[in-house]
């Protein structure tokens, strides 16, 4: 039987055994606030899409169409980068 390596012998980094499986897991269920889109104000600059750490911005035909709340954690990055003159994305308390 082979002996287990100590933590000092294991190389830094991680192992992804099934790459590309993140979509299978719902990760947005614990958020306190959620982003809300005012479609009439959105100028489709897609800065929110670039800034979202969870890839939760839905884009179709080069236009922002909403959020994938299954993966959105409510961090507010999208609302923070939405141009101030536009403010198409606001944060609302979850469940209201």
N, C-alpha and C. Protein backbone atom coordinates (compact mmCIF):
# COMPACT_ATOMS: atom_id res chain seq x y z
N UNK A 1 0.84 -1.18 0.00
CA UNK A 1 0.00 0.00 0.00
C UNK A 1 0.89 1.24 0.00
N UNK A 2 0.57 2.21 -0.88
CA UNK A 2 1.39 3.41 -0.96
C UNK A 2 1.07 4.35 0.21
N UNK A 3 2.08 5.05 0.63
CA UNK A 3 1.93 5.97 1.75
C UNK A 3 1.42 7.31 1.24
N UNK A 4 0.50 7.94 1.98
CA UNK A 4 -0.01 9.25 1.59
C UNK A 4 1.07 10.31 1.75
N UNK A 5 1.07 11.28 0.84
CA UNK A 5 2.03 12.36 0.91
C UNK A 5 1.60 13.36 1.99
N UNK A 6 2.58 13.99 2.61
CA UNK A 6 2.25 15.04 3.58
C UNK A 6 1.88 16.31 2.81
N UNK A 7 1.31 17.28 3.50
CA UNK A 7 0.90 18.51 2.83
C UNK A 7 2.10 19.26 2.24
N UNK A 8 3.27 19.04 2.79
CA UNK A 8 4.46 19.71 2.27
C UNK A 8 4.92 19.11 0.94
N UNK A 9 4.52 17.89 0.66
CA UNK A 9 4.94 17.21 -0.57
C UNK A 9 3.96 17.39 -1.73
N UNK A 10 2.78 17.90 -1.43
CA UNK A 10 1.76 18.06 -2.46
C UNK A 10 1.98 19.41 -3.15
N UNK A 11 1.99 19.43 -4.49
CA UNK A 11 2.21 20.70 -5.20
C UNK A 11 1.04 21.66 -4.99
N UNK A 12 1.35 22.97 -5.04
CA UNK A 12 0.30 23.98 -4.90
C UNK A 12 -0.61 23.93 -6.12
N UNK A 13 -1.86 24.24 -5.91
CA UNK A 13 -2.82 24.24 -7.00
C UNK A 13 -4.01 23.37 -6.66
N UNK A 14 -4.84 23.16 -7.61
CA UNK A 14 -6.02 22.35 -7.40
C UNK A 14 -6.19 21.35 -8.52
N UNK A 15 -7.08 20.43 -8.28
CA UNK A 15 -7.36 19.41 -9.28
C UNK A 15 -8.82 19.55 -9.69
N UNK A 16 -9.07 19.70 -10.96
CA UNK A 16 -10.43 19.76 -11.47
C UNK A 16 -10.66 18.45 -12.22
N UNK A 17 -11.36 17.56 -11.56
CA UNK A 17 -11.56 16.24 -12.15
C UNK A 17 -12.54 16.25 -13.31
N UNK A 18 -13.57 17.10 -13.24
CA UNK A 18 -14.56 17.18 -14.30
C UNK A 18 -14.71 18.64 -14.72
N UNK A 19 -13.78 19.14 -15.47
CA UNK A 19 -13.82 20.55 -15.89
C UNK A 19 -15.10 20.85 -16.66
N UNK A 20 -15.63 22.04 -16.42
CA UNK A 20 -16.84 22.46 -17.14
C UNK A 20 -18.13 22.02 -16.49
N UNK A 21 -18.10 21.59 -15.25
CA UNK A 21 -19.31 21.09 -14.61
C UNK A 21 -19.98 22.11 -13.69
N UNK A 22 -19.51 23.35 -13.65
CA UNK A 22 -20.04 24.35 -12.73
C UNK A 22 -21.52 24.63 -12.96
N UNK A 23 -21.99 24.51 -14.19
CA UNK A 23 -23.40 24.78 -14.48
C UNK A 23 -24.33 23.80 -13.80
N UNK A 24 -23.82 22.66 -13.39
CA UNK A 24 -24.65 21.64 -12.74
C UNK A 24 -24.99 22.00 -11.30
N UNK A 25 -24.30 22.98 -10.73
CA UNK A 25 -24.48 23.30 -9.32
C UNK A 25 -25.13 24.66 -9.14
N UNK A 26 -26.17 24.71 -8.34
CA UNK A 26 -26.84 25.96 -8.02
C UNK A 26 -26.06 26.63 -6.90
N UNK A 27 -25.58 27.84 -7.16
CA UNK A 27 -24.74 28.53 -6.17
C UNK A 27 -25.33 29.86 -5.74
N UNK A 28 -26.48 30.23 -6.24
CA UNK A 28 -27.04 31.55 -5.93
C UNK A 28 -28.11 31.55 -4.86
N UNK A 29 -28.29 30.46 -4.16
CA UNK A 29 -29.40 30.35 -3.21
C UNK A 29 -29.21 31.05 -1.89
N UNK A 30 -28.05 31.57 -1.60
CA UNK A 30 -27.81 32.17 -0.29
C UNK A 30 -27.68 33.68 -0.32
N UNK A 31 -27.91 34.30 -1.47
CA UNK A 31 -27.71 35.75 -1.56
C UNK A 31 -28.75 36.52 -0.74
N UNK A 32 -28.37 37.71 -0.30
CA UNK A 32 -29.25 38.60 0.46
C UNK A 32 -29.88 39.63 -0.47
N UNK A 33 -29.10 40.09 -1.44
CA UNK A 33 -29.59 41.05 -2.42
C UNK A 33 -29.44 40.47 -3.82
N UNK A 34 -30.32 40.89 -4.72
CA UNK A 34 -30.22 40.42 -6.10
C UNK A 34 -30.27 41.61 -7.05
N UNK A 35 -29.61 41.51 -8.18
CA UNK A 35 -29.66 42.60 -9.15
C UNK A 35 -30.98 42.57 -9.91
N UNK A 36 -31.48 43.76 -10.21
CA UNK A 36 -32.72 43.91 -10.97
C UNK A 36 -32.41 44.81 -12.16
N UNK A 37 -32.83 44.39 -13.34
CA UNK A 37 -32.56 45.13 -14.57
C UNK A 37 -33.77 45.95 -14.99
N UNK A 38 -33.56 47.22 -15.28
CA UNK A 38 -34.57 48.06 -15.91
C UNK A 38 -34.24 48.07 -17.40
N UNK A 39 -34.94 47.25 -18.15
CA UNK A 39 -34.63 47.07 -19.58
C UNK A 39 -34.76 48.37 -20.37
N UNK A 40 -35.60 49.28 -19.91
CA UNK A 40 -35.79 50.55 -20.62
C UNK A 40 -34.58 51.48 -20.48
N UNK A 41 -33.78 51.29 -19.44
CA UNK A 41 -32.61 52.13 -19.21
C UNK A 41 -31.32 51.54 -19.76
N UNK A 42 -31.28 50.24 -19.95
CA UNK A 42 -30.04 49.55 -20.34
C UNK A 42 -29.56 49.99 -21.73
N UNK A 43 -28.28 50.34 -21.83
CA UNK A 43 -27.70 50.74 -23.12
C UNK A 43 -26.87 49.60 -23.74
N UNK A 44 -26.88 48.44 -23.11
CA UNK A 44 -26.22 47.23 -23.61
C UNK A 44 -24.72 47.43 -23.86
N UNK A 45 -24.08 48.11 -22.93
CA UNK A 45 -22.62 48.31 -23.02
C UNK A 45 -21.88 47.03 -22.62
N UNK A 46 -22.55 46.14 -21.90
CA UNK A 46 -22.05 44.83 -21.47
C UNK A 46 -20.87 44.90 -20.49
N UNK A 47 -20.69 46.05 -19.85
CA UNK A 47 -19.66 46.14 -18.81
C UNK A 47 -20.03 45.22 -17.65
N UNK A 48 -21.31 45.07 -17.38
CA UNK A 48 -21.77 44.17 -16.32
C UNK A 48 -21.37 42.73 -16.64
N UNK A 49 -21.51 42.34 -17.89
CA UNK A 49 -21.18 40.98 -18.32
C UNK A 49 -19.69 40.70 -18.13
N UNK A 50 -18.87 41.69 -18.44
CA UNK A 50 -17.43 41.54 -18.27
C UNK A 50 -17.07 41.44 -16.79
N UNK A 51 -17.77 42.19 -15.95
CA UNK A 51 -17.43 42.29 -14.53
C UNK A 51 -18.00 41.19 -13.65
N UNK A 52 -18.98 40.46 -14.10
CA UNK A 52 -19.64 39.45 -13.27
C UNK A 52 -18.71 38.27 -13.00
N UNK A 53 -18.38 38.01 -11.73
CA UNK A 53 -17.47 36.90 -11.42
C UNK A 53 -18.13 35.53 -11.53
N UNK A 54 -19.45 35.50 -11.66
CA UNK A 54 -20.17 34.22 -11.70
C UNK A 54 -20.77 33.90 -13.06
N UNK A 55 -20.48 34.71 -14.06
CA UNK A 55 -21.06 34.53 -15.40
C UNK A 55 -22.58 34.42 -15.33
N UNK A 56 -23.19 35.29 -14.53
CA UNK A 56 -24.63 35.24 -14.31
C UNK A 56 -25.40 36.24 -15.17
N UNK A 57 -24.72 36.98 -16.02
CA UNK A 57 -25.37 37.94 -16.91
C UNK A 57 -25.77 37.20 -18.19
N UNK A 58 -27.04 37.30 -18.54
CA UNK A 58 -27.53 36.63 -19.75
C UNK A 58 -27.47 37.63 -20.92
N UNK A 59 -26.78 37.23 -21.97
CA UNK A 59 -26.63 38.07 -23.16
C UNK A 59 -27.13 37.29 -24.37
N UNK A 60 -28.03 37.93 -25.13
CA UNK A 60 -28.53 37.33 -26.38
C UNK A 60 -28.47 38.40 -27.46
N UNK A 61 -27.96 38.03 -28.61
CA UNK A 61 -27.83 38.96 -29.74
C UNK A 61 -27.13 40.25 -29.33
N UNK A 62 -26.04 40.11 -28.56
CA UNK A 62 -25.21 41.22 -28.10
C UNK A 62 -25.97 42.22 -27.23
N UNK A 63 -27.02 41.75 -26.55
CA UNK A 63 -27.78 42.61 -25.63
C UNK A 63 -27.95 41.90 -24.30
N UNK A 64 -27.84 42.66 -23.23
CA UNK A 64 -28.05 42.14 -21.88
C UNK A 64 -29.54 41.93 -21.70
N UNK A 65 -29.95 40.70 -21.36
CA UNK A 65 -31.38 40.40 -21.26
C UNK A 65 -31.83 40.03 -19.85
N UNK A 66 -30.90 39.86 -18.94
CA UNK A 66 -31.29 39.52 -17.57
C UNK A 66 -30.18 38.80 -16.83
N UNK A 67 -30.59 38.10 -15.77
CA UNK A 67 -29.64 37.44 -14.89
C UNK A 67 -29.97 35.96 -14.73
N UNK A 68 -28.95 35.16 -14.57
CA UNK A 68 -29.13 33.75 -14.23
C UNK A 68 -29.05 33.68 -12.71
N UNK A 69 -30.20 33.77 -12.06
CA UNK A 69 -30.23 33.80 -10.60
C UNK A 69 -29.80 32.47 -9.98
N UNK A 70 -29.75 31.44 -10.79
CA UNK A 70 -29.26 30.14 -10.31
C UNK A 70 -27.79 30.24 -9.88
N UNK A 71 -27.05 31.14 -10.53
CA UNK A 71 -25.62 31.29 -10.24
C UNK A 71 -25.25 32.63 -9.62
N UNK A 72 -26.12 33.62 -9.70
CA UNK A 72 -25.83 34.95 -9.15
C UNK A 72 -25.77 34.88 -7.62
N UNK A 73 -24.69 35.43 -7.07
CA UNK A 73 -24.51 35.43 -5.62
C UNK A 73 -24.85 36.78 -5.00
N UNK A 74 -25.27 37.74 -5.81
CA UNK A 74 -25.69 39.03 -5.30
C UNK A 74 -24.57 39.93 -4.84
N UNK A 75 -23.41 39.81 -5.45
CA UNK A 75 -22.25 40.61 -5.02
C UNK A 75 -22.40 42.09 -5.37
N UNK A 76 -23.20 42.40 -6.39
CA UNK A 76 -23.43 43.79 -6.78
C UNK A 76 -22.41 44.37 -7.73
N UNK A 77 -21.48 43.56 -8.21
CA UNK A 77 -20.46 44.06 -9.15
C UNK A 77 -21.12 44.65 -10.39
N UNK A 78 -22.17 44.02 -10.87
CA UNK A 78 -22.86 44.49 -12.08
C UNK A 78 -23.48 45.87 -11.86
N UNK A 79 -24.09 46.07 -10.70
CA UNK A 79 -24.70 47.36 -10.39
C UNK A 79 -23.63 48.44 -10.20
N UNK A 80 -22.51 48.05 -9.61
CA UNK A 80 -21.42 49.01 -9.39
C UNK A 80 -20.83 49.54 -10.69
N UNK A 81 -20.73 48.69 -11.71
CA UNK A 81 -20.09 49.11 -12.96
C UNK A 81 -21.08 49.67 -13.99
N UNK A 82 -22.37 49.53 -13.72
CA UNK A 82 -23.37 50.09 -14.64
C UNK A 82 -23.17 51.61 -14.66
N UNK A 83 -23.05 52.21 -15.85
CA UNK A 83 -22.80 53.65 -15.92
C UNK A 83 -23.79 54.45 -15.06
N UNK A 84 -23.25 55.38 -14.28
CA UNK A 84 -24.06 56.14 -13.33
C UNK A 84 -25.18 56.93 -14.00
N UNK A 85 -24.95 57.40 -15.22
CA UNK A 85 -26.00 58.14 -15.93
C UNK A 85 -27.15 57.23 -16.33
N UNK A 86 -26.87 55.93 -16.41
CA UNK A 86 -27.87 54.96 -16.85
C UNK A 86 -28.56 54.30 -15.66
N UNK A 87 -27.78 53.73 -14.77
CA UNK A 87 -28.25 52.98 -13.60
C UNK A 87 -29.38 52.01 -13.95
N UNK A 88 -29.11 51.17 -14.95
CA UNK A 88 -30.10 50.18 -15.37
C UNK A 88 -30.18 49.00 -14.42
N UNK A 89 -29.13 48.80 -13.61
CA UNK A 89 -29.10 47.68 -12.66
C UNK A 89 -29.08 48.24 -11.25
N UNK A 90 -30.04 47.80 -10.46
CA UNK A 90 -30.09 48.17 -9.05
C UNK A 90 -30.14 46.89 -8.23
N UNK A 91 -29.80 47.01 -6.96
CA UNK A 91 -29.82 45.85 -6.07
C UNK A 91 -31.07 45.93 -5.20
N UNK A 92 -31.79 44.81 -5.12
CA UNK A 92 -33.01 44.73 -4.31
C UNK A 92 -32.87 43.59 -3.31
N UNK A 93 -33.50 43.76 -2.17
CA UNK A 93 -33.44 42.71 -1.16
C UNK A 93 -34.11 41.45 -1.70
N UNK A 94 -33.46 40.32 -1.51
CA UNK A 94 -33.97 39.03 -1.99
C UNK A 94 -35.34 38.76 -1.36
N UNK A 95 -36.26 38.29 -2.17
CA UNK A 95 -37.59 37.93 -1.68
C UNK A 95 -38.58 39.08 -1.67
N UNK A 96 -38.18 40.24 -2.14
CA UNK A 96 -39.10 41.39 -2.17
C UNK A 96 -39.31 41.88 -3.56
